[in-house]
N, C-alpha and C. Protein backbone atom coordinates (compact mmCIF):
# COMPACT_ATOMS: atom_id res chain seq x y z
N MET A 1 53.71 -11.04 53.30
CA MET A 1 52.95 -9.04 53.78
C MET A 1 52.83 -8.88 55.00
N GLU A 2 53.60 -7.76 54.69
CA GLU A 2 53.46 -6.98 56.24
C GLU A 2 51.74 -7.11 57.06
N ASN A 3 52.40 -6.47 58.45
CA ASN A 3 51.41 -6.55 59.17
C ASN A 3 51.18 -4.80 58.82
N GLN A 4 50.51 -4.12 58.44
CA GLN A 4 50.75 -2.71 58.51
C GLN A 4 50.22 -1.98 59.68
N ILE A 5 50.23 -1.25 60.76
CA ILE A 5 49.95 -0.71 61.87
C ILE A 5 49.47 0.48 62.13
N CYS A 6 50.12 1.55 61.02
CA CYS A 6 49.87 2.61 60.83
C CYS A 6 49.70 2.69 59.21
N TYR A 7 48.75 3.32 59.32
CA TYR A 7 47.79 3.39 58.03
C TYR A 7 48.19 5.18 57.03
N CYS A 8 48.30 5.76 58.53
CA CYS A 8 48.62 7.44 58.29
C CYS A 8 49.87 7.57 57.92
N PHE A 9 50.85 7.09 58.48
CA PHE A 9 52.42 7.27 58.44
C PHE A 9 52.89 6.08 57.46
N GLY A 10 52.39 4.72 57.48
CA GLY A 10 52.86 3.79 56.28
C GLY A 10 53.71 2.87 57.44
N TYR A 11 54.23 2.57 58.15
CA TYR A 11 54.72 1.75 59.37
C TYR A 11 54.05 0.42 59.43
N SER A 12 54.68 -0.68 59.53
CA SER A 12 54.22 -2.03 59.81
C SER A 12 54.69 -2.10 60.85
N GLU A 13 54.08 -3.78 61.28
CA GLU A 13 54.53 -4.31 62.70
C GLU A 13 56.04 -4.57 62.75
N GLU A 14 56.78 -4.93 61.20
CA GLU A 14 58.27 -4.75 61.22
C GLU A 14 58.97 -3.65 61.39
N ASP A 15 58.56 -2.46 61.11
CA ASP A 15 59.12 -1.24 61.48
C ASP A 15 59.73 -1.02 62.51
N ILE A 16 58.54 -1.38 63.17
CA ILE A 16 57.95 -0.81 65.11
C ILE A 16 59.05 -2.05 65.55
N THR A 17 59.25 -3.72 65.26
CA THR A 17 59.83 -4.22 66.14
C THR A 17 61.76 -3.80 65.57
N ARG A 18 61.58 -4.02 64.20
CA ARG A 18 63.34 -2.97 64.16
C ARG A 18 63.66 -1.97 64.73
N ASP A 19 62.64 -0.49 65.09
CA ASP A 19 62.65 0.28 65.89
C ASP A 19 62.98 -0.12 67.19
N VAL A 20 62.05 -0.97 68.01
CA VAL A 20 62.08 -1.41 68.97
C VAL A 20 63.42 -1.55 70.05
N LEU A 21 63.98 -2.95 68.73
CA LEU A 21 65.46 -3.55 68.87
C LEU A 21 66.61 -2.11 68.44
N ALA A 22 66.48 -1.02 67.86
CA ALA A 22 67.03 0.11 67.75
C ALA A 22 67.62 0.71 68.71
N ASN A 23 66.30 0.99 69.92
CA ASN A 23 66.02 1.63 70.86
C ASN A 23 66.24 1.39 72.13
N ASN A 24 66.96 -0.03 72.18
CA ASN A 24 66.76 -0.58 73.13
C ASN A 24 65.66 -0.89 74.21
N GLY A 25 64.46 -0.70 73.57
CA GLY A 25 63.35 -1.34 73.91
C GLY A 25 62.04 -0.46 73.73
N ARG A 26 62.21 0.52 73.09
CA ARG A 26 62.16 1.90 73.24
C ARG A 26 61.61 1.87 71.60
N SER A 27 60.37 2.66 71.05
CA SER A 27 59.71 3.04 69.75
C SER A 27 59.29 3.83 70.09
N LEU A 28 60.17 4.80 69.25
CA LEU A 28 60.46 6.06 68.51
C LEU A 28 59.28 6.68 67.47
N ILE A 29 59.06 5.05 66.47
CA ILE A 29 57.57 5.63 66.31
C ILE A 29 56.28 5.38 66.81
N MET A 30 56.50 4.64 68.10
CA MET A 30 55.36 4.79 68.42
C MET A 30 55.30 6.01 69.04
N GLU A 31 56.18 6.26 69.44
CA GLU A 31 55.93 7.77 69.94
C GLU A 31 55.33 8.49 69.10
N ARG A 32 56.19 8.65 67.71
CA ARG A 32 55.69 9.62 66.47
C ARG A 32 53.92 9.54 66.77
N ILE A 33 53.39 8.43 66.24
CA ILE A 33 52.21 8.40 66.16
C ILE A 33 51.27 8.15 67.40
N LEU A 34 51.54 8.52 68.89
CA LEU A 34 50.78 8.48 69.44
C LEU A 34 50.94 10.21 69.23
N ALA A 35 52.03 11.03 69.35
CA ALA A 35 51.83 12.36 69.73
C ALA A 35 51.23 13.24 68.12
N GLU A 36 51.65 12.02 67.21
CA GLU A 36 50.84 12.76 66.15
C GLU A 36 48.52 12.67 66.07
N LYS A 37 48.98 11.92 67.13
CA LYS A 37 47.10 11.77 67.04
C LYS A 37 46.19 12.20 67.89
N LYS A 38 47.39 12.38 69.08
CA LYS A 38 47.14 13.39 69.93
C LYS A 38 47.32 15.21 69.87
N GLY A 39 47.13 15.33 68.85
CA GLY A 39 47.64 16.77 68.26
C GLY A 39 46.91 17.14 67.17
N GLY A 40 45.81 16.00 67.05
CA GLY A 40 45.04 16.24 65.57
C GLY A 40 45.43 15.63 64.36
N GLY A 41 47.24 15.26 64.44
CA GLY A 41 47.86 14.87 62.76
C GLY A 41 47.65 13.08 61.92
N CYS A 42 46.39 12.38 62.46
CA CYS A 42 45.91 11.22 62.40
C CYS A 42 44.89 10.91 61.76
N ASN A 43 44.40 10.42 60.51
CA ASN A 43 43.54 10.56 59.64
C ASN A 43 43.41 9.22 59.84
N CYS A 44 43.53 7.93 60.67
CA CYS A 44 43.30 6.52 61.44
C CYS A 44 41.37 6.20 60.32
N GLY A 45 40.12 7.37 60.59
CA GLY A 45 39.39 7.16 60.33
C GLY A 45 39.15 6.96 58.68
N THR A 46 39.90 7.26 58.32
CA THR A 46 40.01 7.65 56.63
C THR A 46 40.52 6.97 56.17
N ASN A 47 42.19 6.75 56.79
CA ASN A 47 43.21 5.73 55.49
C ASN A 47 42.93 4.50 56.25
N HIS A 48 42.55 3.95 57.31
CA HIS A 48 42.29 2.54 58.13
C HIS A 48 41.53 1.92 57.02
N PRO A 49 41.70 0.56 56.48
CA PRO A 49 40.39 -0.06 56.09
C PRO A 49 39.20 -0.28 56.24
N LEU A 50 39.34 -0.26 58.39
CA LEU A 50 38.16 -0.40 58.81
C LEU A 50 37.78 0.52 59.54
N GLY A 51 38.41 1.91 59.40
CA GLY A 51 37.98 3.23 60.29
C GLY A 51 38.49 3.30 61.70
N ARG A 52 39.43 2.82 61.61
CA ARG A 52 40.04 2.82 63.03
C ARG A 52 41.60 3.21 63.17
């Protein structure tokens, strides 16, 4: 079972690891998640089973 990192956009730990390797140590996925969170486009409180 994959470790789900982002319940809003469906990214797993494996997705982010592949993204970092593909982008020379930079995660475009994490940048997207942070930008969405900052812009109010994140529903972690609703989507995450632990409400975070």
